[in-house]
Amino acid sequence: MESKEHIMDLEKYLKDNPDDLTMQQKVKLRREVHAEARESGVLSDEMVDYRLWLEKLPSRCESFADYLSGPLMRYAGGTILEVGCGPRARLARSLLDRGYNVEAIDPKLEMRSRIFRRESFTIDYPHLDSFQAVIALEPCEATELVIRACTQQKVPFFVVPCGSPHPRIDGTLDKTTAEWWAYLMNLNSKIRISPIELDKEFDLPVLIYQP
């Protein structure tokens, strides 16, 4: 990823900013492309989206939004809650453009309004059962909270877990991603997994719960 051609591609990507990256995300990606801050073989979300852009393929967010447009139709009469929407709430905005009623929360959210709120998700998130479904694209530590809260209150969810383990509620950290995903799926017998293929190398595993 360090040839002049790749550097030119990177600068065009950052200038056009098709994935609406924040300044912090741009700095992170530039460092990773230059191999200055890569600590392991795991690619950052920004790097995966950049590679997809190089292949002229939809981003992770776009692919997830396309996927959700099908199953969310049965919940279109109510409001969908996105947990961990990120600074720019790209997924929620995409679904709003498609006609869905969506609210989004994240403690790092840059925009603030009635439907975009700078909040963290909790196991006792208020009025959770007023939402028709919960969606989340790699919500990090909130993943287990979403699964437990939704299964307790029988609220459908579509969650893409992160590609690396995050601490469980009890503080345990699984050694591998596969172990962590298996733990999440075993939280309720009705949870199933459905992968979204991004390209030959990457896919998005969607954990689905529909009581």
C-alpha atoms as a PDB file:
ATOM      1  CA  MET A   1       0.000   0.000   0.000  1.00  0.00           C
ATOM      2  CA  GLU A   2       3.022   2.342  -0.190  1.00  0.00           C
ATOM      3  CA  SER A   3       3.557   2.862  -3.952  1.00  0.00           C
ATOM      4  CA  LYS A   4       3.058   6.291  -5.527  1.00  0.00           C
ATOM      5  CA  GLU A   5      -0.087   5.002  -7.220  1.00  0.00           C
ATOM      6  CA  HIS A   6      -1.582   3.943  -3.889  1.00  0.00           C
ATOM      7  CA  ILE A   7      -0.622   7.227  -2.252  1.00  0.00           C
ATOM      8  CA  MET A   8      -2.333   9.132  -5.079  1.00  0.00           C
ATOM      9  CA  ASP A   9      -5.398   6.928  -4.668  1.00  0.00           C
ATOM     10  CA  LEU A  10      -5.405   7.596  -0.939  1.00  0.00           C
ATOM     11  CA  GLU A  11      -5.201  11.367  -1.338  1.00  0.00           C
ATOM     12  CA  LYS A  12      -8.066  11.329  -3.849  1.00  0.00           C
ATOM     13  CA  TYR A  13     -10.105   9.186  -1.473  1.00  0.00           C
ATOM     14  CA  LEU A  14      -9.442  11.536   1.429  1.00  0.00           C
ATOM     15  CA  LYS A  15     -10.218  14.625  -0.673  1.00  0.00           C
ATOM     16  CA  ASP A  16     -13.466  13.240  -2.082  1.00  0.00           C
ATOM     17  CA  ASN A  17     -14.263  11.642   1.302  1.00  0.00           C
ATOM     18  CA  PRO A  18     -16.950   9.280  -0.049  1.00  0.00           C
ATOM     19  CA  ASP A  19     -17.321   7.579   3.348  1.00  0.00           C
ATOM     20  CA  ASP A  20     -17.701  10.857   5.259  1.00  0.00           C
ATOM     21  CA  LEU A  21     -14.663  10.299   7.480  1.00  0.00           C
ATOM     22  CA  THR A  22     -13.946  12.645  10.340  1.00  0.00           C
ATOM     23  CA  MET A  23     -10.573  14.378  10.517  1.00  0.00           C
ATOM     24  CA  GLN A  24      -9.453  11.893  13.177  1.00  0.00           C
ATOM     25  CA  GLN A  25     -10.442   8.961  10.955  1.00  0.00           C
ATOM     26  CA  LYS A  26      -8.566  10.483   8.006  1.00  0.00           C
ATOM     27  CA  VAL A  27      -5.401  10.792  10.081  1.00  0.00           C
ATOM     28  CA  LYS A  28      -5.782   7.199  11.289  1.00  0.00           C
ATOM     29  CA  LEU A  29      -6.213   5.879   7.765  1.00  0.00           C
ATOM     30  CA  ARG A  30      -3.283   7.841   6.374  1.00  0.00           C
ATOM     31  CA  ARG A  31      -1.033   6.438   9.093  1.00  0.00           C
ATOM     32  CA  GLU A  32      -2.234   2.903   8.499  1.00  0.00           C
ATOM     33  CA  VAL A  33      -1.700   3.115   4.738  1.00  0.00           C
ATOM     34  CA  HIS A  34       1.824   4.333   5.383  1.00  0.00           C
ATOM     35  CA  ALA A  35       2.239   1.412   7.816  1.00  0.00           C
ATOM     36  CA  GLU A  36       3.115   3.783  10.653  1.00  0.00           C
ATOM     37  CA  ALA A  37       0.485   2.690  13.171  1.00  0.00           C
ATOM     38  CA  ARG A  38      -0.425  -0.890  12.325  1.00  0.00           C
ATOM     39  CA  GLU A  39      -0.085  -2.904  15.520  1.00  0.00           C
ATOM     40  CA  SER A  40      -1.413  -6.227  14.266  1.00  0.00           C
ATOM     41  CA  GLY A  41      -2.676  -8.018  11.184  1.00  0.00           C
ATOM     42  CA  VAL A  42      -6.228  -6.770  11.861  1.00  0.00           C
ATOM     43  CA  LEU A  43      -7.277  -4.010   9.475  1.00  0.00           C
ATOM     44  CA  SER A  44      -9.143  -1.004  10.800  1.00  0.00           C
ATOM     45  CA  ASP A  45     -12.699  -0.285   9.633  1.00  0.00           C
ATOM     46  CA  GLU A  46     -11.338   2.723   7.745  1.00  0.00           C
ATOM     47  CA  MET A  47      -8.800   0.562   5.906  1.00  0.00           C
ATOM     48  CA  VAL A  48     -11.431  -2.023   4.936  1.00  0.00           C
ATOM     49  CA  ASP A  49     -13.673   0.705   3.490  1.00  0.00           C
ATOM     50  CA  TYR A  50     -10.727   2.229   1.662  1.00  0.00           C
ATOM     51  CA  ARG A  51      -9.863  -1.128   0.096  1.00  0.00           C
ATOM     52  CA  LEU A  52     -13.487  -1.602  -0.939  1.00  0.00           C
ATOM     53  CA  TRP A  53     -13.412   1.860  -2.519  1.00  0.00           C
ATOM     54  CA  LEU A  54     -10.288   0.900  -4.464  1.00  0.00           C
ATOM     55  CA  GLU A  55     -12.234  -2.078  -5.818  1.00  0.00           C
ATOM     56  CA  LYS A  56     -15.166   0.226  -6.666  1.00  0.00           C
ATOM     57  CA  LEU A  57     -17.379  -1.693  -4.247  1.00  0.00           C
ATOM     58  CA  PRO A  58     -19.902  -0.377  -1.689  1.00  0.00           C
ATOM     59  CA  SER A  59     -18.618   0.432   1.794  1.00  0.00           C
ATOM     60  CA  ARG A  60     -19.504  -1.640   4.842  1.00  0.00           C
ATOM     61  CA  CYS A  61     -22.167   0.913   5.768  1.00  0.00           C
ATOM     62  CA  GLU A  62     -23.681   0.951   2.272  1.00  0.00           C
ATOM     63  CA  SER A  63     -23.754  -2.846   2.103  1.00  0.00           C
ATOM     64  CA  PHE A  64     -25.414  -3.088   5.519  1.00  0.00           C
ATOM     65  CA  ALA A  65     -27.989  -0.437   4.563  1.00  0.00           C
ATOM     66  CA  ASP A  66     -28.765  -2.332   1.345  1.00  0.00           C
ATOM     67  CA  TYR A  67     -29.130  -5.553   3.318  1.00  0.00           C
ATOM     68  CA  LEU A  68     -31.392  -3.969   5.940  1.00  0.00           C
ATOM     69  CA  SER A  69     -33.744  -2.504   3.357  1.00  0.00           C
ATOM     70  CA  GLY A  70     -35.253  -5.972   2.964  1.00  0.00           C
ATOM     71  CA  PRO A  71     -35.872  -7.244   6.508  1.00  0.00           C
ATOM     72  CA  LEU A  72     -36.684  -3.787   7.907  1.00  0.00           C
ATOM     73  CA  MET A  73     -39.716  -3.452   5.622  1.00  0.00           C
ATOM     74  CA  ARG A  74     -41.797  -5.451   8.108  1.00  0.00           C
ATOM     75  CA  TYR A  75     -40.930  -2.843  10.769  1.00  0.00           C
ATOM     76  CA  ALA A  76     -41.390   0.215   8.541  1.00  0.00           C
ATOM     77  CA  GLY A  77     -44.501   1.292  10.411  1.00  0.00           C
ATOM     78  CA  GLY A  78     -42.502   2.191  13.520  1.00  0.00           C
ATOM     79  CA  THR A  79     -39.159   3.644  14.557  1.00  0.00           C
ATOM     80  CA  ILE A  80     -35.805   1.893  14.254  1.00  0.00           C
ATOM     81  CA  LEU A  81     -33.038   2.600  16.781  1.00  0.00           C
ATOM     82  CA  GLU A  82     -29.394   2.558  15.687  1.00  0.00           C
ATOM     83  CA  VAL A  83     -26.939   1.978  18.534  1.00  0.00           C
ATOM     84  CA  GLY A  84     -23.310   3.101  18.207  1.00  0.00           C
ATOM     85  CA  CYS A  85     -23.931   5.119  15.052  1.00  0.00           C
ATOM     86  CA  GLY A  86     -20.488   6.758  15.091  1.00  0.00           C
ATOM     87  CA  PRO A  87     -19.691  10.471  14.779  1.00  0.00           C
ATOM     88  CA  ARG A  88     -21.645  11.022  11.550  1.00  0.00           C
ATOM     89  CA  ALA A  89     -24.512   8.492  11.826  1.00  0.00           C
ATOM     90  CA  ARG A  90     -23.986   7.409   8.219  1.00  0.00           C
ATOM     91  CA  LEU A  91     -26.129   4.263   8.453  1.00  0.00           C
ATOM     92  CA  ALA A  92     -29.064   6.070  10.055  1.00  0.00           C
ATOM     93  CA  ARG A  93     -28.867   8.864   7.480  1.00  0.00           C
ATOM     94  CA  SER A  94     -28.827   6.339   4.649  1.00  0.00           C
ATOM     95  CA  LEU A  95     -31.926   4.597   6.005  1.00  0.00           C
ATOM     96  CA  LEU A  96     -33.675   7.949   6.532  1.00  0.00           C
ATOM     97  CA  ASP A  97     -33.043   8.720   2.865  1.00  0.00           C
ATOM     98  CA  ARG A  98     -34.745   5.402   2.045  1.00  0.00           C
ATOM     99  CA  GLY A  99     -37.874   6.418   3.939  1.00  0.00           C
ATOM    100  CA  TYR A 100     -37.380   4.641   7.274  1.00  0.00           C
ATOM    101  CA  ASN A 101     -38.021   6.299  10.633  1.00  0.00           C
ATOM    102  CA  VAL A 102     -34.676   6.025  12.394  1.00  0.00           C
ATOM    103  CA  GLU A 103     -33.188   7.401  15.605  1.00  0.00           C
ATOM    104  CA  ALA A 104     -29.480   7.075  16.376  1.00  0.00           C
ATOM    105  CA  ILE A 105     -27.377   7.251  19.533  1.00  0.00           C
ATOM    106  CA  ASP A 106     -23.641   7.337  20.193  1.00  0.00           C
ATOM    107  CA  PRO A 107     -21.585   9.087  22.901  1.00  0.00           C
ATOM    108  CA  LYS A 108     -19.281  10.437  20.138  1.00  0.00           C
ATOM    109  CA  LEU A 109     -22.048  11.699  17.851  1.00  0.00           C
ATOM    110  CA  GLU A 110     -21.134  15.061  16.297  1.00  0.00           C
ATOM    111  CA  MET A 111     -24.630  16.125  15.197  1.00  0.00           C
ATOM    112  CA  ARG A 112     -27.355  16.556  17.782  1.00  0.00           C
ATOM    113  CA  SER A 113     -31.125  16.692  17.334  1.00  0.00           C
ATOM    114  CA  ARG A 114     -34.256  14.938  18.505  1.00  0.00           C
ATOM    115  CA  ILE A 115     -33.385  11.841  16.479  1.00  0.00           C
ATOM    116  CA  PHE A 116     -29.577  12.055  16.732  1.00  0.00           C
ATOM    117  CA  ARG A 117     -28.629  11.892  20.393  1.00  0.00           C
ATOM    118  CA  ARG A 118     -25.279  11.826  22.165  1.00  0.00           C
ATOM    119  CA  GLU A 119     -26.103   8.897  24.433  1.00  0.00           C
ATOM    120  CA  SER A 120     -24.671   5.548  25.471  1.00  0.00           C
ATOM    121  CA  PHE A 121     -26.734   2.381  25.345  1.00  0.00           C
ATOM    122  CA  THR A 122     -27.431   0.661  28.663  1.00  0.00           C
ATOM    123  CA  ILE A 123     -28.975  -2.659  29.635  1.00  0.00           C
ATOM    124  CA  ASP A 124     -32.006  -0.725  30.916  1.00  0.00           C
ATOM    125  CA  TYR A 125     -32.200   1.760  28.039  1.00  0.00           C
ATOM    126  CA  PRO A 126     -35.499   3.645  28.530  1.00  0.00           C
ATOM    127  CA  HIS A 127     -38.485   2.822  26.325  1.00  0.00           C
ATOM    128  CA  LEU A 128     -36.540   0.248  24.311  1.00  0.00           C
ATOM    129  CA  ASP A 129     -39.769  -1.654  23.617  1.00  0.00           C
ATOM    130  CA  SER A 130     -41.174   1.422  21.844  1.00  0.00           C
ATOM    131  CA  PHE A 131     -38.807   0.724  18.936  1.00  0.00           C
ATOM    132  CA  GLN A 132     -39.738  -1.773  16.240  1.00  0.00           C
ATOM    133  CA  ALA A 133     -36.137  -2.990  15.882  1.00  0.00           C
ATOM    134  CA  VAL A 134     -32.558  -2.173  16.861  1.00  0.00           C
ATOM    135  CA  ILE A 135     -29.685  -2.052  14.384  1.00  0.00           C
ATOM    136  CA  ALA A 136     -25.965  -1.680  14.966  1.00  0.00           C
ATOM    137  CA  LEU A 137     -22.842  -1.759  12.831  1.00  0.00           C
ATOM    138  CA  GLU A 138     -19.948  -2.856  15.063  1.00  0.00           C
ATOM    139  CA  PRO A 139     -21.113  -1.186  18.303  1.00  0.00           C
ATOM    140  CA  CYS A 140     -18.062  -2.371  20.303  1.00  0.00           C
ATOM    141  CA  GLU A 141     -18.743  -2.716  24.051  1.00  0.00           C
ATOM    142  CA  ALA A 142     -22.466  -2.099  23.555  1.00  0.00           C
ATOM    143  CA  THR A 143     -22.868  -5.342  21.566  1.00  0.00           C
ATOM    144  CA  GLU A 144     -23.649  -7.629  24.489  1.00  0.00           C
ATOM    145  CA  LEU A 145     -25.810  -4.959  26.126  1.00  0.00           C
ATOM    146  CA  VAL A 146     -27.933  -4.671  22.980  1.00  0.00           C
ATOM    147  CA  ILE A 147     -28.333  -8.441  22.698  1.00  0.00           C
ATOM    148  CA  ARG A 148     -29.276  -8.931  26.333  1.00  0.00           C
ATOM    149  CA  ALA A 149     -31.645  -5.958  26.483  1.00  0.00           C
ATOM    150  CA  CYS A 150     -33.400  -6.811  23.211  1.00  0.00           C
ATOM    151  CA  THR A 151     -33.822 -10.508  23.973  1.00  0.00           C
ATOM    152  CA  GLN A 152     -35.169  -9.697  27.445  1.00  0.00           C
ATOM    153  CA  GLN A 153     -37.742  -7.275  26.012  1.00  0.00           C
ATOM    154  CA  LYS A 154     -38.293  -9.222  22.763  1.00  0.00           C
ATOM    155  CA  VAL A 155     -37.186  -6.393  20.474  1.00  0.00           C
ATOM    156  CA  PRO A 156     -35.815  -7.583  17.095  1.00  0.00           C
ATOM    157  CA  PHE A 157     -32.235  -6.673  16.253  1.00  0.00           C
ATOM    158  CA  PHE A 158     -29.743  -6.797  13.389  1.00  0.00           C
ATOM    159  CA  VAL A 159     -26.215  -6.399  14.749  1.00  0.00           C
ATOM    160  CA  VAL A 160     -22.842  -6.635  13.002  1.00  0.00           C
ATOM    161  CA  PRO A 161     -20.339  -7.471  15.768  1.00  0.00           C
ATOM    162  CA  CYS A 162     -16.797  -6.107  15.626  1.00  0.00           C
ATOM    163  CA  GLY A 163     -14.087  -8.169  13.966  1.00  0.00           C
ATOM    164  CA  SER A 164     -12.082  -8.375  17.193  1.00  0.00           C
ATOM    165  CA  PRO A 165     -13.207  -9.453  20.686  1.00  0.00           C
ATOM    166  CA  HIS A 166     -14.522  -6.890  23.144  1.00  0.00           C
ATOM    167  CA  PRO A 167     -14.868  -7.405  26.896  1.00  0.00           C
ATOM    168  CA  ARG A 168     -17.972  -9.211  28.072  1.00  0.00           C
ATOM    169  CA  ILE A 169     -20.160  -7.609  30.724  1.00  0.00           C
ATOM    170  CA  ASP A 170     -18.324  -9.660  33.374  1.00  0.00           C
ATOM    171  CA  GLY A 171     -14.950  -8.343  32.161  1.00  0.00           C
ATOM    172  CA  THR A 172     -13.875 -11.572  30.418  1.00  0.00           C
ATOM    173  CA  LEU A 173     -12.080 -11.096  27.104  1.00  0.00           C
ATOM    174  CA  ASP A 174     -12.271 -13.937  24.603  1.00  0.00           C
ATOM    175  CA  LYS A 175      -9.002 -14.953  22.942  1.00  0.00           C
ATOM    176  CA  THR A 176     -10.407 -15.082  19.403  1.00  0.00           C
ATOM    177  CA  THR A 177     -13.130 -13.397  17.389  1.00  0.00           C
ATOM    178  CA  ALA A 178     -14.771 -16.769  16.743  1.00  0.00           C
ATOM    179  CA  GLU A 179     -15.058 -17.415  20.488  1.00  0.00           C
ATOM    180  CA  TRP A 180     -16.566 -13.988  21.080  1.00  0.00           C
ATOM    181  CA  TRP A 181     -19.126 -14.365  18.290  1.00  0.00           C
ATOM    182  CA  ALA A 182     -20.045 -17.833  19.556  1.00  0.00           C
ATOM    183  CA  TYR A 183     -20.560 -16.389  23.043  1.00  0.00           C
ATOM    184  CA  LEU A 184     -22.856 -13.675  21.671  1.00  0.00           C
ATOM    185  CA  MET A 185     -24.915 -16.148  19.668  1.00  0.00           C
ATOM    186  CA  ASN A 186     -25.321 -18.428  22.680  1.00  0.00           C
ATOM    187  CA  LEU A 187     -26.947 -15.635  24.682  1.00  0.00           C
ATOM    188  CA  ASN A 188     -30.285 -16.642  23.130  1.00  0.00           C
ATOM    189  CA  SER A 189     -31.344 -19.704  21.165  1.00  0.00           C
ATOM    190  CA  LYS A 190     -33.222 -17.590  18.589  1.00  0.00           C
ATOM    191  CA  ILE A 191     -30.144 -15.669  17.463  1.00  0.00           C
ATOM    192  CA  ARG A 192     -28.908 -16.631  14.024  1.00  0.00           C
ATOM    193  CA  ILE A 193     -26.106 -15.358  11.801  1.00  0.00           C
ATOM    194  CA  SER A 194     -26.297 -14.210   8.183  1.00  0.00           C
ATOM    195  CA  PRO A 195     -23.118 -13.029   6.405  1.00  0.00           C
ATOM    196  CA  ILE A 196     -23.040 -10.156   3.904  1.00  0.00           C
ATOM    197  CA  GLU A 197     -20.273 -10.710   1.353  1.00  0.00           C
ATOM    198  CA  LEU A 198     -18.337  -7.514   0.650  1.00  0.00           C
ATOM    199  CA  ASP A 199     -15.672  -8.997  -1.634  1.00  0.00           C
ATOM    200  CA  LYS A 200     -13.572 -12.165  -1.810  1.00  0.00           C
ATOM    201  CA  GLU A 201     -11.715 -11.212   1.376  1.00  0.00           C
ATOM    202  CA  PHE A 202     -14.209  -9.434   3.621  1.00  0.00           C
ATOM    203  CA  ASP A 203     -17.748 -10.041   4.787  1.00  0.00           C
ATOM    204  CA  LEU A 204     -20.057  -8.734   7.498  1.00  0.00           C
ATOM    205  CA  PRO A 205     -21.582 -11.279   9.889  1.00  0.00           C
ATOM    206  CA  VAL A 206     -25.063 -10.093  10.902  1.00  0.00           C
ATOM    207  CA  LEU A 207     -26.476 -11.426  14.163  1.00  0.00           C
ATOM    208  CA  ILE A 208     -30.264 -11.522  13.841  1.00  0.00           C
ATOM    209  CA  TYR A 209     -32.927 -11.880  16.507  1.00  0.00           C
ATOM    210  CA  GLN A 210     -36.589 -11.916  15.536  1.00  0.00           C
ATOM    211  CA  PRO A 211     -38.782 -13.233  18.382  1.00  0.00           C
END
